[in-house]
N, C-alpha and C. Protein backbone atom coordinates (compact mmCIF):
# COMPACT_ATOMS: atom_id res chain seq x y z
N MET A 1 23.53 5.13 23.91
CA MET A 1 24.67 6.03 22.83
C MET A 1 23.48 5.74 21.61
N GLU A 2 22.95 6.97 21.03
CA GLU A 2 22.16 6.78 19.83
C GLU A 2 23.29 7.13 18.61
N ASP A 3 23.10 6.68 17.14
CA ASP A 3 24.24 6.46 16.52
C ASP A 3 24.10 8.39 15.93
N THR A 4 22.74 9.22 16.54
CA THR A 4 22.33 10.27 15.46
C THR A 4 23.62 11.18 16.83
N ASN A 5 23.73 10.84 18.10
CA ASN A 5 24.89 11.77 18.94
C ASN A 5 26.46 11.22 17.41
N LEU A 6 26.68 10.54 16.97
CA LEU A 6 27.47 10.37 16.61
C LEU A 6 28.21 10.94 14.89
N PHE A 7 26.44 11.70 14.53
CA PHE A 7 26.72 12.29 13.15
C PHE A 7 25.79 13.32 12.95
N LEU A 8 26.04 14.02 14.19
CA LEU A 8 25.92 15.79 14.50
C LEU A 8 26.63 16.28 13.02
N LYS A 9 27.91 16.21 13.46
CA LYS A 9 28.97 17.06 12.81
C LYS A 9 30.62 15.83 12.84
N PHE A 10 30.96 15.84 11.99
CA PHE A 10 31.76 15.17 11.49
C PHE A 10 32.75 16.00 13.33
N PRO A 11 33.37 14.70 13.92
CA PRO A 11 34.08 14.77 14.95
C PRO A 11 35.52 15.70 14.48
N PHE A 12 35.87 16.37 15.91
CA PHE A 12 37.20 17.22 15.53
C PHE A 12 38.16 16.60 16.85
N ILE A 13 38.73 15.72 16.93
CA ILE A 13 39.53 15.20 17.86
C ILE A 13 41.31 15.45 18.00
N GLU A 14 41.66 16.54 19.15
CA GLU A 14 42.70 16.68 19.10
C GLU A 14 43.30 16.30 20.04
N THR A 15 44.52 15.91 19.81
CA THR A 15 45.17 15.68 21.14
C THR A 15 47.03 16.12 21.01
N ARG A 16 47.71 15.94 21.87
CA ARG A 16 49.06 16.73 22.30
C ARG A 16 49.40 16.76 20.76
N GLU A 17 49.41 15.76 20.44
CA GLU A 17 50.75 15.52 18.52
C GLU A 17 49.87 15.16 17.71
N ILE A 18 48.24 14.55 17.70
CA ILE A 18 47.57 14.72 16.54
C ILE A 18 46.17 15.01 16.85
N THR A 19 45.64 15.15 15.46
CA THR A 19 44.20 16.16 15.23
C THR A 19 43.43 14.67 14.51
N LEU A 20 42.57 14.07 14.55
CA LEU A 20 41.68 13.09 13.61
C LEU A 20 40.58 14.97 13.07
N ARG A 21 40.43 14.38 12.06
CA ARG A 21 39.36 15.67 11.20
C ARG A 21 38.68 15.18 9.97
N LYS A 22 37.74 16.29 9.61
CA LYS A 22 37.34 15.91 8.67
C LYS A 22 38.24 15.76 7.38
N ILE A 23 38.42 15.13 5.88
CA ILE A 23 38.91 15.03 5.06
C ILE A 23 38.83 15.69 4.25
N GLU A 24 39.36 16.48 3.89
CA GLU A 24 38.81 17.74 2.72
C GLU A 24 39.34 17.44 1.15
N LYS A 25 39.35 17.87 0.02
CA LYS A 25 39.78 17.96 -1.26
C LYS A 25 41.27 18.54 -1.11
N SER A 26 41.30 19.07 -0.93
CA SER A 26 42.83 19.76 -0.09
C SER A 26 43.76 18.28 0.27
N ASP A 27 43.08 18.07 1.02
CA ASP A 27 44.26 16.26 1.43
C ASP A 27 44.53 15.55 0.40
N LEU A 28 44.16 15.49 -1.26
CA LEU A 28 44.09 14.07 -2.20
C LEU A 28 45.40 13.73 -2.62
N GLU A 29 46.46 14.96 -2.58
CA GLU A 29 47.27 14.28 -2.86
C GLU A 29 48.45 13.07 -2.03
N ASN A 30 48.02 13.82 -0.28
CA ASN A 30 48.44 12.66 0.54
C ASN A 30 47.69 11.60 1.18
N LEU A 31 46.51 11.48 0.49
CA LEU A 31 45.37 10.02 0.53
C LEU A 31 45.54 9.64 -0.48
N TYR A 32 46.35 10.19 -1.74
CA TYR A 32 46.73 9.43 -2.35
C TYR A 32 47.78 8.26 -2.16
N LEU A 33 48.47 8.94 -1.56
CA LEU A 33 49.96 8.52 -0.97
C LEU A 33 49.65 7.08 -0.55
N ILE A 34 48.48 7.31 0.84
CA ILE A 34 48.13 6.04 1.44
C ILE A 34 47.33 4.86 0.65
N TYR A 35 46.47 5.52 -0.53
CA TYR A 35 45.85 4.68 -0.57
C TYR A 35 45.89 3.90 -2.31
N SER A 36 47.33 4.64 -3.07
CA SER A 36 47.80 3.73 -3.71
C SER A 36 49.21 2.68 -3.11
N ASN A 37 49.34 2.99 -2.25
CA ASN A 37 51.07 1.91 -1.73
C ASN A 37 50.09 0.53 -1.61
N GLU A 38 50.43 0.14 -2.15
CA GLU A 38 50.22 -2.04 -2.33
C GLU A 38 50.86 -2.49 -0.66
N ASN A 39 51.98 -1.87 0.03
CA ASN A 39 52.15 -2.68 1.34
C ASN A 39 50.96 -2.32 2.17
N ILE A 40 50.12 -0.89 2.03
CA ILE A 40 49.43 -0.83 2.93
C ILE A 40 47.96 -2.17 2.52
N PHE A 41 47.68 -2.94 1.10
CA PHE A 41 46.99 -3.16 1.66
C PHE A 41 47.12 -4.64 1.94
N LYS A 42 47.75 -5.22 2.08
CA LYS A 42 48.61 -6.47 2.60
C LYS A 42 47.47 -6.65 3.66
N TYR A 43 47.37 -6.08 4.46
CA TYR A 43 46.59 -6.47 6.16
C TYR A 43 45.36 -5.80 6.33
N ARG A 44 44.80 -5.11 5.29
CA ARG A 44 43.28 -4.81 4.54
C ARG A 44 42.58 -5.06 3.68
N PRO A 45 40.74 -4.59 3.77
CA PRO A 45 40.30 -5.03 2.63
C PRO A 45 40.91 -4.12 1.52
N GLY A 46 40.32 -4.57 0.57
CA GLY A 46 40.34 -3.76 -0.88
C GLY A 46 41.73 -3.63 -1.31
N LYS A 47 42.14 -2.76 -2.82
CA LYS A 47 43.17 -3.45 -3.67
C LYS A 47 43.82 -1.33 -3.55
N ALA A 48 45.01 -1.24 -3.41
CA ALA A 48 45.70 0.07 -4.10
C ALA A 48 45.03 0.56 -4.85
N LYS A 49 44.79 1.46 -5.20
CA LYS A 49 44.44 2.69 -5.86
C LYS A 49 45.24 3.37 -6.98
N LYS A 50 44.88 2.93 -8.39
CA LYS A 50 46.06 3.16 -9.63
C LYS A 50 46.04 4.47 -9.85
N ASN A 51 45.05 5.16 -9.61
CA ASN A 51 44.08 6.11 -10.74
C ASN A 51 43.91 7.13 -8.96
N ILE A 52 44.66 8.82 -9.22
CA ILE A 52 44.11 9.69 -7.76
C ILE A 52 42.60 10.18 -8.47
N ALA A 53 42.27 10.09 -9.40
CA ALA A 53 40.69 10.55 -9.70
C ALA A 53 39.56 9.19 -9.01
N THR A 54 40.25 8.05 -8.79
CA THR A 54 39.25 7.37 -7.93
C THR A 54 39.60 7.81 -6.23
N VAL A 55 40.70 8.47 -5.94
CA VAL A 55 40.93 8.27 -4.66
C VAL A 55 39.99 10.01 -4.29
N GLU A 56 39.93 10.69 -5.26
CA GLU A 56 39.45 11.84 -5.04
C GLU A 56 37.85 11.57 -4.73
N ASN A 57 37.40 11.13 -6.00
CA ASN A 57 36.11 10.36 -5.80
C ASN A 57 35.97 9.65 -4.35
N MET A 58 36.70 9.31 -3.58
CA MET A 58 36.89 8.70 -2.15
C MET A 58 36.54 9.91 -1.52
N ILE A 59 36.62 10.92 -1.29
CA ILE A 59 36.82 12.52 -0.34
C ILE A 59 35.00 12.43 -0.65
N THR A 60 34.30 12.34 -1.58
CA THR A 60 32.98 12.51 -1.58
C THR A 60 31.87 11.35 -1.33
N HIS A 61 32.79 10.28 -1.54
CA HIS A 61 32.18 9.21 -0.51
C HIS A 61 32.31 9.14 0.88
N PHE A 62 33.12 9.77 1.38
CA PHE A 62 33.43 10.08 2.59
C PHE A 62 31.87 10.76 3.32
N GLU A 63 32.27 11.89 2.79
CA GLU A 63 31.07 13.01 3.04
C GLU A 63 29.54 11.57 2.62
N ARG A 64 29.32 11.80 1.70
CA ARG A 64 27.81 10.62 1.85
C ARG A 64 27.64 10.05 2.82
N ASP A 65 29.18 8.54 2.37
CA ASP A 65 28.93 7.80 4.00
C ASP A 65 27.96 8.11 5.32
N PHE A 66 29.01 8.90 5.76
CA PHE A 66 28.49 10.36 6.81
C PHE A 66 27.11 10.79 7.31
N GLY A 67 26.82 11.64 6.09
CA GLY A 67 25.24 11.87 5.63
C GLY A 67 24.65 10.75 5.85
N LYS A 68 24.59 9.18 5.32
CA LYS A 68 23.65 8.43 5.39
C LYS A 68 23.76 8.03 7.04
N LYS A 69 24.86 8.13 7.74
CA LYS A 69 24.98 7.50 8.85
C LYS A 69 25.29 6.11 8.92
N LYS A 70 26.56 5.95 8.31
CA LYS A 70 27.14 4.73 7.55
C LYS A 70 28.45 4.53 8.40
N ILE A 71 28.98 4.94 7.84
CA ILE A 71 30.60 5.07 8.41
C ILE A 71 31.45 6.77 8.77
N ILE A 72 32.61 6.61 9.46
CA ILE A 72 32.76 8.33 9.56
C ILE A 72 34.88 7.98 9.30
N PHE A 73 34.62 8.75 8.57
CA PHE A 73 36.08 8.51 7.96
C PHE A 73 37.00 9.79 8.52
N LEU A 74 38.22 9.87 9.06
CA LEU A 74 38.29 10.82 9.68
C LEU A 74 39.87 10.98 9.71
N GLY A 75 41.11 12.23 8.93
CA GLY A 75 42.24 12.09 8.95
C GLY A 75 42.99 12.40 9.73
N ILE A 76 44.47 11.67 9.83
CA ILE A 76 44.80 11.80 10.76
C ILE A 76 45.87 12.75 10.82
N TYR A 77 45.84 14.07 11.52
CA TYR A 77 47.06 14.89 11.37
C TYR A 77 47.82 15.38 12.47
N LEU A 78 48.89 15.63 12.06
CA LEU A 78 50.24 15.72 13.08
C LEU A 78 50.13 17.03 13.03
N ASN A 79 49.87 17.43 14.62
CA ASN A 79 49.32 18.97 14.74
C ASN A 79 50.87 19.92 14.26
N GLU A 80 52.19 19.63 14.56
CA GLU A 80 53.36 20.00 13.88
C GLU A 80 53.09 20.62 12.30
N ASP A 81 52.02 20.20 11.92
CA ASP A 81 51.91 20.68 10.43
C ASP A 81 50.46 20.10 9.84
N VAL A 82 49.62 20.78 10.60
CA VAL A 82 48.04 20.37 11.02
C VAL A 82 47.65 20.70 8.79
N LYS A 83 48.35 20.96 8.22
CA LYS A 83 47.97 20.53 6.60
C LYS A 83 48.48 18.78 6.38
N LYS A 84 49.08 18.12 6.74
CA LYS A 84 49.74 16.68 6.42
C LYS A 84 48.90 15.82 6.96
N LEU A 85 48.11 15.12 5.59
CA LEU A 85 47.29 14.18 6.23
C LEU A 85 48.54 12.86 6.33
N ILE A 86 48.54 12.03 7.43
CA ILE A 86 49.15 10.98 7.65
C ILE A 86 48.11 9.53 7.46
N GLY A 87 47.71 10.01 7.80
CA GLY A 87 46.65 8.69 7.86
C GLY A 87 45.10 8.53 7.95
N VAL A 88 44.18 7.74 7.64
CA VAL A 88 42.64 7.92 7.92
C VAL A 88 42.24 7.10 9.26
N ALA A 89 41.73 7.32 9.95
CA ALA A 89 40.90 6.19 11.03
C ALA A 89 39.30 6.68 10.55
N GLU A 90 38.50 5.12 11.00
CA GLU A 90 37.23 4.88 10.63
C GLU A 90 36.34 4.67 11.21
N ILE A 91 35.12 4.78 11.71
CA ILE A 91 34.32 4.76 12.92
C ILE A 91 32.88 3.87 12.13
N PHE A 92 33.15 2.73 12.27
CA PHE A 92 31.57 2.17 11.63
C PHE A 92 30.67 1.10 12.43
N ASP A 93 30.22 0.47 11.82
CA ASP A 93 29.35 -0.86 12.38
C ASP A 93 28.54 -0.28 13.82
N PHE A 94 28.05 0.50 13.95
CA PHE A 94 26.81 0.98 15.24
C PHE A 94 25.87 0.09 15.37
N GLU A 95 26.35 -0.74 16.50
CA GLU A 95 24.93 -1.26 16.94
C GLU A 95 24.25 -0.76 18.70
N GLU A 96 23.67 -0.05 17.93
CA GLU A 96 22.54 1.13 18.98
C GLU A 96 22.60 0.45 20.26
N LYS A 97 21.94 -1.60 20.16
CA LYS A 97 21.12 -1.84 20.81
C LYS A 97 22.18 -2.31 22.22
N VAL A 98 23.61 -2.31 21.31
CA VAL A 98 24.75 -3.15 22.01
C VAL A 98 25.50 -1.90 22.52
N ASN A 99 25.08 -0.69 21.97
CA ASN A 99 26.18 0.11 22.44
C ASN A 99 27.68 0.32 21.96
N MET A 100 28.06 -0.31 21.17
CA MET A 100 28.96 -0.24 20.08
C MET A 100 29.41 0.02 18.90
N VAL A 101 30.99 -0.01 18.46
CA VAL A 101 31.48 0.67 17.11
C VAL A 101 32.98 -0.20 17.28
N THR A 102 33.19 -0.36 15.51
CA THR A 102 34.21 -0.78 15.42
C THR A 102 34.77 0.18 14.73
N ILE A 103 36.27 0.12 15.19
CA ILE A 103 37.04 1.50 14.42
C ILE A 103 37.93 0.82 13.24
N GLY A 104 38.88 1.73 12.70
CA GLY A 104 39.63 0.67 12.23
C GLY A 104 40.89 2.22 11.79
N TYR A 105 42.17 1.97 11.06
CA TYR A 105 43.06 2.74 10.97
C TYR A 105 44.29 2.79 10.17
N THR A 106 44.40 3.70 9.05
CA THR A 106 45.04 3.25 8.34
C THR A 106 46.89 4.31 8.27
N LEU A 107 47.78 4.06 8.05
CA LEU A 107 48.76 5.11 7.93
C LEU A 107 49.71 5.27 6.88
N ASN A 108 49.70 5.93 6.11
CA ASN A 108 51.09 6.73 5.55
C ASN A 108 52.33 5.36 6.06
N GLU A 109 52.94 4.64 4.83
CA GLU A 109 54.23 4.25 5.60
C GLU A 109 55.44 4.14 6.10
N ASP A 110 55.10 5.82 5.75
CA ASP A 110 56.32 6.76 5.89
C ASP A 110 56.32 7.11 7.75
N TYR A 111 55.10 6.70 8.28
CA TYR A 111 54.99 6.98 9.45
C TYR A 111 54.83 5.78 10.71
N TRP A 112 54.84 4.70 10.03
CA TRP A 112 54.98 3.55 10.66
C TRP A 112 55.62 3.35 11.52
N GLY A 113 55.64 3.12 12.58
CA GLY A 113 56.60 2.53 13.66
C GLY A 113 57.20 3.68 14.74
N HIS A 114 56.07 4.86 14.98
CA HIS A 114 56.61 6.10 15.17
C HIS A 114 55.17 6.28 16.51
N GLY A 115 53.88 5.51 16.51
CA GLY A 115 53.33 5.42 17.71
C GLY A 115 52.31 6.23 17.38
N PHE A 116 51.99 6.71 16.31
CA PHE A 116 50.89 7.90 15.69
C PHE A 116 49.57 6.35 15.29
N ALA A 117 49.43 5.46 15.31
CA ALA A 117 48.74 4.12 15.24
C ALA A 117 48.00 4.32 16.54
N THR A 118 48.78 4.12 17.68
CA THR A 118 48.62 3.90 18.88
C THR A 118 48.29 5.14 19.60
N LYS A 119 48.79 5.97 19.22
CA LYS A 119 47.85 7.90 19.71
C LYS A 119 46.55 7.68 18.88
N THR A 120 46.38 7.38 17.89
CA THR A 120 45.06 7.44 17.05
C THR A 120 43.74 6.39 17.76
N VAL A 121 44.05 5.27 17.92
CA VAL A 121 43.28 4.41 18.48
C VAL A 121 43.01 4.83 19.85
N GLU A 122 43.85 5.44 20.39
CA GLU A 122 43.74 6.17 22.13
C GLU A 122 42.51 7.11 22.03
N ALA A 123 42.97 8.52 20.94
CA ALA A 123 42.06 9.20 21.22
C ALA A 123 40.68 8.66 20.78
N LEU A 124 40.36 7.90 19.49
CA LEU A 124 39.40 7.28 19.37
C LEU A 124 38.28 6.73 20.60
N CYS A 125 39.13 5.97 21.27
CA CYS A 125 38.48 5.38 22.42
C CYS A 125 37.87 6.70 23.29
N ASP A 126 39.00 7.12 23.55
CA ASP A 126 38.90 8.16 24.32
C ASP A 126 37.28 8.85 24.20
N TYR A 127 37.12 9.45 22.80
CA TYR A 127 35.93 10.40 22.22
C TYR A 127 34.81 9.55 22.04
N LEU A 128 35.38 8.26 21.79
CA LEU A 128 33.96 7.47 21.23
C LEU A 128 33.64 7.33 23.03
N LEU A 129 34.01 6.59 23.92
CA LEU A 129 33.82 5.91 25.41
C LEU A 129 33.34 7.45 26.47
N ASN A 130 34.13 8.56 25.97
CA ASN A 130 34.12 9.53 27.26
C ASN A 130 32.91 10.65 26.57
N THR A 131 33.13 11.11 25.26
CA THR A 131 32.27 12.07 24.72
C THR A 131 31.11 11.36 24.10
N VAL A 132 31.38 10.73 22.93
CA VAL A 132 29.94 10.03 22.73
C VAL A 132 29.18 9.17 23.72
N GLY A 133 29.73 8.24 24.13
CA GLY A 133 28.97 7.71 25.51
C GLY A 133 28.94 5.92 25.25
N VAL A 134 29.47 5.86 24.22
CA VAL A 134 29.82 4.11 24.06
C VAL A 134 30.37 3.81 24.73
N ASN A 135 29.54 1.84 24.93
CA ASN A 135 30.35 1.29 26.01
C ASN A 135 31.57 0.67 25.31
N ARG A 136 31.77 -0.21 24.22
CA ARG A 136 32.38 -0.65 23.45
C ARG A 136 32.78 -0.43 22.18
N VAL A 137 34.24 -0.28 22.27
CA VAL A 137 34.94 -0.07 20.96
C VAL A 137 35.96 -1.36 20.49
N GLN A 138 35.34 -1.82 19.44
CA GLN A 138 36.07 -3.08 18.81
C GLN A 138 36.99 -2.96 17.78
N ALA A 139 37.55 -3.90 17.39
CA ALA A 139 38.42 -4.13 16.08
C ALA A 139 38.95 -5.31 15.52
N PHE A 140 38.85 -5.41 14.08
CA PHE A 140 39.25 -7.08 13.59
C PHE A 140 40.32 -6.46 13.30
N VAL A 141 41.14 -7.58 12.88
CA VAL A 141 42.62 -7.40 12.67
C VAL A 141 42.79 -8.75 11.83
N MET A 142 43.07 -9.03 10.71
CA MET A 142 43.91 -10.05 9.86
C MET A 142 45.07 -11.03 11.26
N SER A 143 44.95 -12.13 11.18
CA SER A 143 45.96 -12.74 12.17
C SER A 143 47.08 -12.71 12.08
N ASN A 144 47.62 -12.46 11.03
CA ASN A 144 49.17 -12.05 10.97
C ASN A 144 49.70 -11.08 10.59
N ASN A 145 48.85 -9.87 11.20
CA ASN A 145 49.02 -8.28 11.70
C ASN A 145 49.76 -7.99 12.72
N ILE A 146 50.48 -8.87 12.94
CA ILE A 146 51.04 -8.66 14.11
C ILE A 146 51.30 -6.90 14.84
N LYS A 147 51.59 -5.93 13.77
CA LYS A 147 52.34 -4.87 14.02
C LYS A 147 50.79 -4.17 14.59
N SER A 148 49.47 -4.14 13.61
CA SER A 148 48.29 -3.52 14.54
C SER A 148 47.98 -4.28 15.96
N LYS A 149 48.06 -5.43 15.80
CA LYS A 149 47.63 -6.27 16.69
C LYS A 149 48.65 -5.73 18.12
N ASN A 150 49.68 -5.00 18.33
CA ASN A 150 50.46 -5.08 19.03
C ASN A 150 49.65 -3.37 19.31
N VAL A 151 49.47 -2.66 18.42
CA VAL A 151 48.84 -1.20 18.65
C VAL A 151 47.62 -1.24 19.88
N LEU A 152 46.92 -2.13 19.20
CA LEU A 152 45.62 -2.53 20.01
C LEU A 152 46.16 -3.02 21.15
N GLU A 153 46.78 -3.99 21.60
CA GLU A 153 47.20 -4.35 22.74
C GLU A 153 47.91 -3.45 23.74
N ARG A 154 48.81 -2.18 23.05
CA ARG A 154 49.30 -1.05 23.89
C ARG A 154 48.29 -0.07 24.53
N SER A 155 47.32 -0.09 23.00
CA SER A 155 45.84 0.97 23.89
C SER A 155 44.97 0.22 25.13
N GLY A 156 45.23 -1.14 25.33
CA GLY A 156 44.08 -1.87 26.36
C GLY A 156 43.37 -2.22 25.43
N PHE A 157 43.65 -2.94 24.71
CA PHE A 157 42.42 -3.98 24.09
C PHE A 157 42.78 -5.02 24.20
N THR A 158 41.68 -6.13 24.55
CA THR A 158 41.81 -7.49 24.85
C THR A 158 41.62 -8.15 23.54
N LYS A 159 42.33 -9.10 23.67
CA LYS A 159 42.05 -10.14 22.30
C LYS A 159 40.80 -10.58 22.98
N GLU A 160 39.58 -11.23 22.23
CA GLU A 160 38.37 -11.73 22.78
C GLU A 160 39.08 -12.94 21.69
N GLY A 161 39.39 -13.48 20.62
CA GLY A 161 39.85 -14.76 19.88
C GLY A 161 40.08 -14.46 18.23
N THR A 162 39.70 -15.60 17.71
CA THR A 162 39.90 -15.58 16.42
C THR A 162 38.92 -16.09 15.55
N ILE A 163 38.05 -15.21 14.59
CA ILE A 163 36.78 -16.07 13.80
C ILE A 163 37.53 -15.95 12.78
N ARG A 164 37.65 -17.48 12.76
CA ARG A 164 38.20 -18.47 11.66
C ARG A 164 37.37 -18.31 10.47
N GLN A 165 37.90 -17.89 9.46
CA GLN A 165 37.52 -17.71 7.94
C GLN A 165 35.65 -17.42 7.74
N GLY A 166 36.19 -16.61 8.65
CA GLY A 166 34.64 -15.69 9.40
C GLY A 166 34.15 -14.16 8.51
N LYS A 167 35.12 -14.16 7.48
CA LYS A 167 34.97 -12.70 6.90
C LYS A 167 35.18 -12.44 5.36
N ILE A 168 34.72 -12.69 4.38
CA ILE A 168 35.62 -12.00 3.05
C ILE A 168 35.73 -10.44 3.16
N TRP A 169 37.01 -10.86 3.05
CA TRP A 169 37.39 -9.06 2.78
C TRP A 169 37.90 -8.78 0.93
N THR A 170 37.41 -7.66 0.32
CA THR A 170 37.64 -7.18 -0.35
C THR A 170 39.12 -7.50 -1.34
N GLY A 171 39.46 -8.24 -2.16
CA GLY A 171 40.81 -8.53 -2.44
C GLY A 171 41.63 -9.45 -1.76
N LYS A 172 41.47 -10.05 -0.09
CA LYS A 172 41.74 -11.18 0.03
C LYS A 172 40.81 -12.23 0.01
N GLY A 173 39.74 -12.47 -0.18
CA GLY A 173 38.64 -13.79 -0.18
C GLY A 173 38.53 -13.66 1.13
N LEU A 174 38.22 -14.78 1.71
CA LEU A 174 37.88 -15.65 3.08
C LEU A 174 39.49 -15.42 3.96
N VAL A 175 39.01 -15.03 5.15
CA VAL A 175 40.39 -13.99 6.22
C VAL A 175 39.75 -14.83 7.49
N ASP A 176 40.82 -15.22 7.93
CA ASP A 176 40.87 -15.32 9.80
C ASP A 176 41.00 -13.79 10.15
N LEU A 177 40.15 -13.33 11.01
CA LEU A 177 40.42 -12.08 12.16
C LEU A 177 40.40 -12.58 13.63
N ASP A 178 41.35 -11.52 14.60
CA ASP A 178 41.10 -11.57 15.37
C ASP A 178 40.25 -10.10 15.83
N LEU A 179 39.59 -10.63 16.86
CA LEU A 179 38.82 -9.60 17.24
C LEU A 179 39.26 -8.89 19.00
N TYR A 180 39.14 -7.66 18.41
CA TYR A 180 40.10 -7.14 19.38
C TYR A 180 38.75 -6.41 20.57
N SER A 181 38.82 -6.18 21.56
CA SER A 181 37.72 -5.01 22.35
C SER A 181 38.20 -4.05 23.39
N PHE A 182 37.54 -3.19 23.78
CA PHE A 182 37.97 -2.45 24.91
C PHE A 182 36.74 -1.56 25.29
N LEU A 183 36.33 -2.10 26.46
CA LEU A 183 35.24 -1.43 27.10
C LEU A 183 35.11 -0.41 27.99
N LYS A 184 34.21 0.65 28.49
CA LYS A 184 33.86 1.65 28.89
C LYS A 184 34.55 1.31 30.58
N ALA A 185 33.95 -0.19 31.07
CA ALA A 185 34.75 -0.81 32.38
C ALA A 185 36.28 -0.64 32.50
N ASP A 186 36.68 -0.83 30.81
CA ASP A 186 38.82 -1.16 30.71
C ASP A 186 39.13 0.17 31.27
N LEU A 187 38.15 1.67 31.30
CA LEU A 187 38.96 2.75 31.92
C LEU A 187 39.73 2.71 32.96
């Protein structure tokens, strides 16, 4: 896999129930609902945003980061209401020599527990492994984030272990992270 394959254009990934696509300015209100929620930042880097202008600026940064071939932020939308952003999926840390990427996902709290995170992870893996040609997809999860670990396990990921005090996450400091992976051979 060459990282350039990922960055030819924003991915558009459609399944029966959800679509992952580029986040637009028209998504601002729904994006703010996600990034301003303190509960969402309990298990992810960063802090809740207190200002809608900050979140609006993030949308510009999503496009800039894509242009720099650094990270891909995709909105998660329900197919029954394609204008309703319910979450954000991330594809980052491309390792061309190893042929792997890291993924992340964040859902509006109103959509927790309905299987949308699992559907998102499965859609990302299908796209990355089968369309892009990645060999390894991985995800890092805080050790006490049981729900996210369950999402990865339901999606066929293997827990490789715990990286003890191995990362500094903004707003969290030094954290333990569980490392999960899915290989093309796992299909």
